[in-house]
């Protein structure tokens, strides 16, 4: 369930869409498929879905969708460039932050991930990547931290999304 689509090759975001936007022609930024705007009436966040019901990966939880939007907004509020759902080689990272001419892939992990997939993403994203944990993993992070230390020499950004909000306001833009 992507948050980003293309309209005439320009990126648009589900959180900016309204009922009047439903008539637009939305394209997936990662494949040639058409997307449909989903404007729910209750607890689900605005998003796009593939018209042919083919998705890039697992369905996303409301926490994951809201978290990606929250991370983008936090970074933009303190003056950083941030883009949701950016393809990096064979993966689509949740958010790509641009800080001082560096690109920092950010993953917001809300569901189980196989160790091989995790290691592949770390190898693809490089040393700049950061992982934020959703509610369940943040509350039960002991195992995840050990795995992280094994592959990243303990350079672990083990914070939950609400703590991320607080920390972004302590960043000084350089």
C-alpha atoms as a PDB file:
ATOM      1  CA  UNK A   1       0.000   0.000   0.000  1.00  0.00           C
ATOM      2  CA  UNK A   2       2.091   2.885  -1.214  1.00  0.00           C
ATOM      3  CA  UNK A   3       1.877   6.441   0.054  1.00  0.00           C
ATOM      4  CA  UNK A   4       3.475   7.852  -3.106  1.00  0.00           C
ATOM      5  CA  UNK A   5       2.249   7.815  -6.705  1.00  0.00           C
ATOM      6  CA  UNK A   6       3.093   9.629  -9.917  1.00  0.00           C
ATOM      7  CA  UNK A   7       0.761  11.974 -11.779  1.00  0.00           C
ATOM      8  CA  UNK A   8       2.250  12.950 -15.146  1.00  0.00           C
ATOM      9  CA  UNK A   9       5.694  11.854 -13.859  1.00  0.00           C
ATOM     10  CA  UNK A  10       5.505  14.106 -10.763  1.00  0.00           C
ATOM     11  CA  UNK A  11       5.353  12.533  -7.281  1.00  0.00           C
ATOM     12  CA  UNK A  12       2.182  13.026  -5.232  1.00  0.00           C
ATOM     13  CA  UNK A  13       1.417  11.808  -1.720  1.00  0.00           C
ATOM     14  CA  UNK A  14      -1.735  10.144  -0.436  1.00  0.00           C
ATOM     15  CA  UNK A  15      -1.871  12.376   2.634  1.00  0.00           C
ATOM     16  CA  UNK A  16      -2.353  15.412   0.355  1.00  0.00           C
ATOM     17  CA  UNK A  17      -5.211  13.851  -1.645  1.00  0.00           C
ATOM     18  CA  UNK A  18      -8.916  14.658  -1.358  1.00  0.00           C
ATOM     19  CA  UNK A  19     -12.100  13.289  -2.923  1.00  0.00           C
ATOM     20  CA  UNK A  20     -11.701  15.569  -5.968  1.00  0.00           C
ATOM     21  CA  UNK A  21      -8.335  13.911  -6.737  1.00  0.00           C
ATOM     22  CA  UNK A  22      -9.889  10.479  -7.373  1.00  0.00           C
ATOM     23  CA  UNK A  23     -10.305  11.306 -11.086  1.00  0.00           C
ATOM     24  CA  UNK A  24      -6.535  11.690 -11.602  1.00  0.00           C
ATOM     25  CA  UNK A  25      -4.501   9.017 -13.314  1.00  0.00           C
ATOM     26  CA  UNK A  26      -2.066   7.631 -10.721  1.00  0.00           C
ATOM     27  CA  UNK A  27       0.945   5.496 -11.667  1.00  0.00           C
ATOM     28  CA  UNK A  28       3.200   3.397  -9.466  1.00  0.00           C
ATOM     29  CA  UNK A  29       6.691   4.924  -9.236  1.00  0.00           C
ATOM     30  CA  UNK A  30       8.226   1.420  -9.133  1.00  0.00           C
ATOM     31  CA  UNK A  31       6.410  -0.409 -11.937  1.00  0.00           C
ATOM     32  CA  UNK A  32       4.144   0.484 -14.898  1.00  0.00           C
ATOM     33  CA  UNK A  33       0.909  -0.331 -13.000  1.00  0.00           C
ATOM     34  CA  UNK A  34      -1.975   2.047 -12.387  1.00  0.00           C
ATOM     35  CA  UNK A  35      -2.818   2.960  -8.800  1.00  0.00           C
ATOM     36  CA  UNK A  36      -6.133   3.738  -7.114  1.00  0.00           C
ATOM     37  CA  UNK A  37      -6.458   6.361  -4.397  1.00  0.00           C
ATOM     38  CA  UNK A  38      -7.942   4.956  -1.178  1.00  0.00           C
ATOM     39  CA  UNK A  39      -9.630   7.558   1.032  1.00  0.00           C
ATOM     40  CA  UNK A  40     -10.934   5.594   4.023  1.00  0.00           C
ATOM     41  CA  UNK A  41     -13.708   6.805   6.284  1.00  0.00           C
ATOM     42  CA  UNK A  42     -12.253   5.559   9.566  1.00  0.00           C
ATOM     43  CA  UNK A  43      -9.013   4.361  11.165  1.00  0.00           C
ATOM     44  CA  UNK A  44      -7.030   3.463   8.006  1.00  0.00           C
ATOM     45  CA  UNK A  45      -4.645   6.078   6.647  1.00  0.00           C
ATOM     46  CA  UNK A  46      -4.988   7.442   3.087  1.00  0.00           C
ATOM     47  CA  UNK A  47      -2.931   5.397   0.618  1.00  0.00           C
ATOM     48  CA  UNK A  48      -2.789   4.049  -2.926  1.00  0.00           C
ATOM     49  CA  UNK A  49      -3.264   0.477  -4.061  1.00  0.00           C
ATOM     50  CA  UNK A  50      -2.431  -1.271  -7.302  1.00  0.00           C
ATOM     51  CA  UNK A  51      -5.431  -1.474  -9.614  1.00  0.00           C
ATOM     52  CA  UNK A  52      -4.502  -5.057 -10.512  1.00  0.00           C
ATOM     53  CA  UNK A  53      -4.102  -5.942  -6.784  1.00  0.00           C
ATOM     54  CA  UNK A  54      -0.422  -6.767  -7.326  1.00  0.00           C
ATOM     55  CA  UNK A  55       1.689  -5.205  -4.598  1.00  0.00           C
ATOM     56  CA  UNK A  56       5.422  -4.778  -4.045  1.00  0.00           C
ATOM     57  CA  UNK A  57       5.796  -6.953  -0.948  1.00  0.00           C
ATOM     58  CA  UNK A  58       3.593  -7.564   2.061  1.00  0.00           C
ATOM     59  CA  UNK A  59       0.496  -5.528   2.884  1.00  0.00           C
ATOM     60  CA  UNK A  60       1.332  -2.697   5.272  1.00  0.00           C
ATOM     61  CA  UNK A  61      -0.237  -2.154   8.668  1.00  0.00           C
ATOM     62  CA  UNK A  62      -1.863   1.168   9.588  1.00  0.00           C
ATOM     63  CA  UNK A  63       1.033   1.696  12.042  1.00  0.00           C
ATOM     64  CA  UNK A  64       3.566   1.269   9.228  1.00  0.00           C
ATOM     65  CA  UNK A  65       1.766   3.631   6.826  1.00  0.00           C
ATOM     66  CA  UNK A  66       1.253   6.271   9.508  1.00  0.00           C
ATOM     67  CA  UNK A  67       4.838   5.855  10.710  1.00  0.00           C
ATOM     68  CA  UNK A  68       6.319   6.467   7.258  1.00  0.00           C
ATOM     69  CA  UNK A  69       4.247   9.626   6.883  1.00  0.00           C
ATOM     70  CA  UNK A  70       5.209  10.722  10.407  1.00  0.00           C
ATOM     71  CA  UNK A  71       8.949  10.191   9.761  1.00  0.00           C
ATOM     72  CA  UNK A  72       8.787  12.190   6.505  1.00  0.00           C
ATOM     73  CA  UNK A  73       6.914  15.029   8.224  1.00  0.00           C
ATOM     74  CA  UNK A  74       9.322  15.107  11.198  1.00  0.00           C
ATOM     75  CA  UNK A  75      12.353  15.360   8.928  1.00  0.00           C
ATOM     76  CA  UNK A  76      10.762  18.017   6.714  1.00  0.00           C
ATOM     77  CA  UNK A  77       9.688  20.030   9.785  1.00  0.00           C
ATOM     78  CA  UNK A  78      13.341  20.447  10.773  1.00  0.00           C
ATOM     79  CA  UNK A  79      14.463  21.329   7.242  1.00  0.00           C
ATOM     80  CA  UNK A  80      15.696  18.015   5.838  1.00  0.00           C
ATOM     81  CA  UNK A  81      14.702  16.526   2.513  1.00  0.00           C
ATOM     82  CA  UNK A  82      12.759  13.290   2.965  1.00  0.00           C
ATOM     83  CA  UNK A  83      11.008  11.080   0.445  1.00  0.00           C
ATOM     84  CA  UNK A  84       8.893   8.006   1.187  1.00  0.00           C
ATOM     85  CA  UNK A  85       9.216   4.727  -0.687  1.00  0.00           C
ATOM     86  CA  UNK A  86      12.401   5.179  -2.693  1.00  0.00           C
ATOM     87  CA  UNK A  87      13.826   2.247  -4.662  1.00  0.00           C
ATOM     88  CA  UNK A  88      17.447   1.426  -3.884  1.00  0.00           C
ATOM     89  CA  UNK A  89      18.620  -1.431  -6.057  1.00  0.00           C
ATOM     90  CA  UNK A  90      16.153  -4.285  -5.431  1.00  0.00           C
ATOM     91  CA  UNK A  91      14.534  -2.779  -2.321  1.00  0.00           C
ATOM     92  CA  UNK A  92      12.092   0.029  -1.591  1.00  0.00           C
ATOM     93  CA  UNK A  93      13.188   1.788   1.580  1.00  0.00           C
ATOM     94  CA  UNK A  94      10.468   3.319   3.749  1.00  0.00           C
ATOM     95  CA  UNK A  95      12.001   6.818   3.790  1.00  0.00           C
ATOM     96  CA  UNK A  96      15.093   8.291   2.171  1.00  0.00           C
ATOM     97  CA  UNK A  97      16.453  11.278   4.100  1.00  0.00           C
ATOM     98  CA  UNK A  98      18.973  13.684   2.585  1.00  0.00           C
ATOM     99  CA  UNK A  99      21.264  15.257   5.162  1.00  0.00           C
ATOM    100  CA  UNK A 100      24.348  17.290   4.221  1.00  0.00           C
ATOM    101  CA  UNK A 101      24.613  15.740   0.741  1.00  0.00           C
ATOM    102  CA  UNK A 102      24.268  12.239   2.256  1.00  0.00           C
ATOM    103  CA  UNK A 103      21.382   9.897   1.601  1.00  0.00           C
ATOM    104  CA  UNK A 104      20.183   7.981   4.647  1.00  0.00           C
ATOM    105  CA  UNK A 105      17.725   5.115   4.068  1.00  0.00           C
ATOM    106  CA  UNK A 106      15.337   4.717   7.000  1.00  0.00           C
ATOM    107  CA  UNK A 107      13.365   1.536   7.601  1.00  0.00           C
ATOM    108  CA  UNK A 108      10.390   1.538   9.982  1.00  0.00           C
ATOM    109  CA  UNK A 109      10.172  -2.127  10.988  1.00  0.00           C
ATOM    110  CA  UNK A 110       6.694  -3.112  12.174  1.00  0.00           C
ATOM    111  CA  UNK A 111       6.565  -6.786  11.180  1.00  0.00           C
ATOM    112  CA  UNK A 112       8.882  -9.795  11.389  1.00  0.00           C
ATOM    113  CA  UNK A 113      11.761  -9.816   8.943  1.00  0.00           C
ATOM    114  CA  UNK A 114      13.901 -12.816   7.989  1.00  0.00           C
ATOM    115  CA  UNK A 115      17.554 -12.422   8.924  1.00  0.00           C
ATOM    116  CA  UNK A 116      18.620 -12.986   5.303  1.00  0.00           C
ATOM    117  CA  UNK A 117      16.313 -10.171   4.138  1.00  0.00           C
ATOM    118  CA  UNK A 118      17.598  -7.903   6.904  1.00  0.00           C
ATOM    119  CA  UNK A 119      21.256  -8.576   6.030  1.00  0.00           C
ATOM    120  CA  UNK A 120      20.522  -8.052   2.314  1.00  0.00           C
ATOM    121  CA  UNK A 121      18.929  -4.666   3.051  1.00  0.00           C
ATOM    122  CA  UNK A 122      21.838  -3.615   5.286  1.00  0.00           C
ATOM    123  CA  UNK A 123      24.299  -4.613   2.546  1.00  0.00           C
ATOM    124  CA  UNK A 124      22.235  -2.764  -0.085  1.00  0.00           C
ATOM    125  CA  UNK A 125      21.678   0.419   1.948  1.00  0.00           C
ATOM    126  CA  UNK A 126      25.182   0.612   3.409  1.00  0.00           C
ATOM    127  CA  UNK A 127      26.400   2.049   6.690  1.00  0.00           C
ATOM    128  CA  UNK A 128      24.183   5.138   6.535  1.00  0.00           C
ATOM    129  CA  UNK A 129      20.919   3.208   6.979  1.00  0.00           C
ATOM    130  CA  UNK A 130      18.873   3.541  10.154  1.00  0.00           C
ATOM    131  CA  UNK A 131      16.159   1.273  11.473  1.00  0.00           C
ATOM    132  CA  UNK A 132      13.282   2.469  13.619  1.00  0.00           C
ATOM    133  CA  UNK A 133      11.179  -0.078  15.420  1.00  0.00           C
ATOM    134  CA  UNK A 134       7.401  -0.234  15.483  1.00  0.00           C
ATOM    135  CA  UNK A 135       5.546  -0.689  18.758  1.00  0.00           C
ATOM    136  CA  UNK A 136       5.885  -4.479  19.046  1.00  0.00           C
ATOM    137  CA  UNK A 137       9.567  -4.617  18.129  1.00  0.00           C
ATOM    138  CA  UNK A 138      10.466  -1.605  20.245  1.00  0.00           C
ATOM    139  CA  UNK A 139       8.818  -3.240  23.259  1.00  0.00           C
ATOM    140  CA  UNK A 140      10.559  -6.590  22.554  1.00  0.00           C
ATOM    141  CA  UNK A 141      13.820  -5.380  21.006  1.00  0.00           C
ATOM    142  CA  UNK A 142      16.395  -7.483  22.873  1.00  0.00           C
ATOM    143  CA  UNK A 143      16.783 -10.070  20.111  1.00  0.00           C
ATOM    144  CA  UNK A 144      16.704  -7.469  17.341  1.00  0.00           C
ATOM    145  CA  UNK A 145      19.444  -5.429  19.040  1.00  0.00           C
ATOM    146  CA  UNK A 146      21.711  -8.463  19.304  1.00  0.00           C
ATOM    147  CA  UNK A 147      21.245  -9.201  15.603  1.00  0.00           C
ATOM    148  CA  UNK A 148      21.847  -5.536  14.778  1.00  0.00           C
ATOM    149  CA  UNK A 149      25.081  -5.439  16.785  1.00  0.00           C
ATOM    150  CA  UNK A 150      26.308  -8.590  15.084  1.00  0.00           C
ATOM    151  CA  UNK A 151      26.044  -6.947  11.654  1.00  0.00           C
ATOM    152  CA  UNK A 152      26.559  -3.262  12.416  1.00  0.00           C
ATOM    153  CA  UNK A 153      29.148  -3.162  15.241  1.00  0.00           C
ATOM    154  CA  UNK A 154      26.546  -1.887  17.678  1.00  0.00           C
ATOM    155  CA  UNK A 155      25.731   1.224  15.623  1.00  0.00           C
ATOM    156  CA  UNK A 156      22.033   0.816  16.278  1.00  0.00           C
ATOM    157  CA  UNK A 157      19.376   3.484  16.186  1.00  0.00           C
ATOM    158  CA  UNK A 158      17.040   1.587  18.495  1.00  0.00           C
ATOM    159  CA  UNK A 159      14.280   4.097  19.031  1.00  0.00           C
ATOM    160  CA  UNK A 160      10.548   4.026  18.572  1.00  0.00           C
ATOM    161  CA  UNK A 161       8.675   6.455  16.391  1.00  0.00           C
ATOM    162  CA  UNK A 162       7.484   8.698  19.255  1.00  0.00           C
ATOM    163  CA  UNK A 163      11.114   9.046  20.405  1.00  0.00           C
ATOM    164  CA  UNK A 164      12.098   9.811  16.799  1.00  0.00           C
ATOM    165  CA  UNK A 165       9.732  12.794  16.871  1.00  0.00           C
ATOM    166  CA  UNK A 166      11.476  14.181  19.964  1.00  0.00           C
ATOM    167  CA  UNK A 167      14.938  13.571  18.540  1.00  0.00           C
ATOM    168  CA  UNK A 168      14.269  15.318  15.213  1.00  0.00           C
ATOM    169  CA  UNK A 169      13.632  18.556  17.072  1.00  0.00           C
ATOM    170  CA  UNK A 170      17.087  18.309  18.632  1.00  0.00           C
ATOM    171  CA  UNK A 171      18.817  18.142  15.233  1.00  0.00           C
ATOM    172  CA  UNK A 172      20.595  21.291  14.166  1.00  0.00           C
ATOM    173  CA  UNK A 173      20.505  21.790  10.414  1.00  0.00           C
ATOM    174  CA  UNK A 174      24.027  22.316   9.107  1.00  0.00           C
END
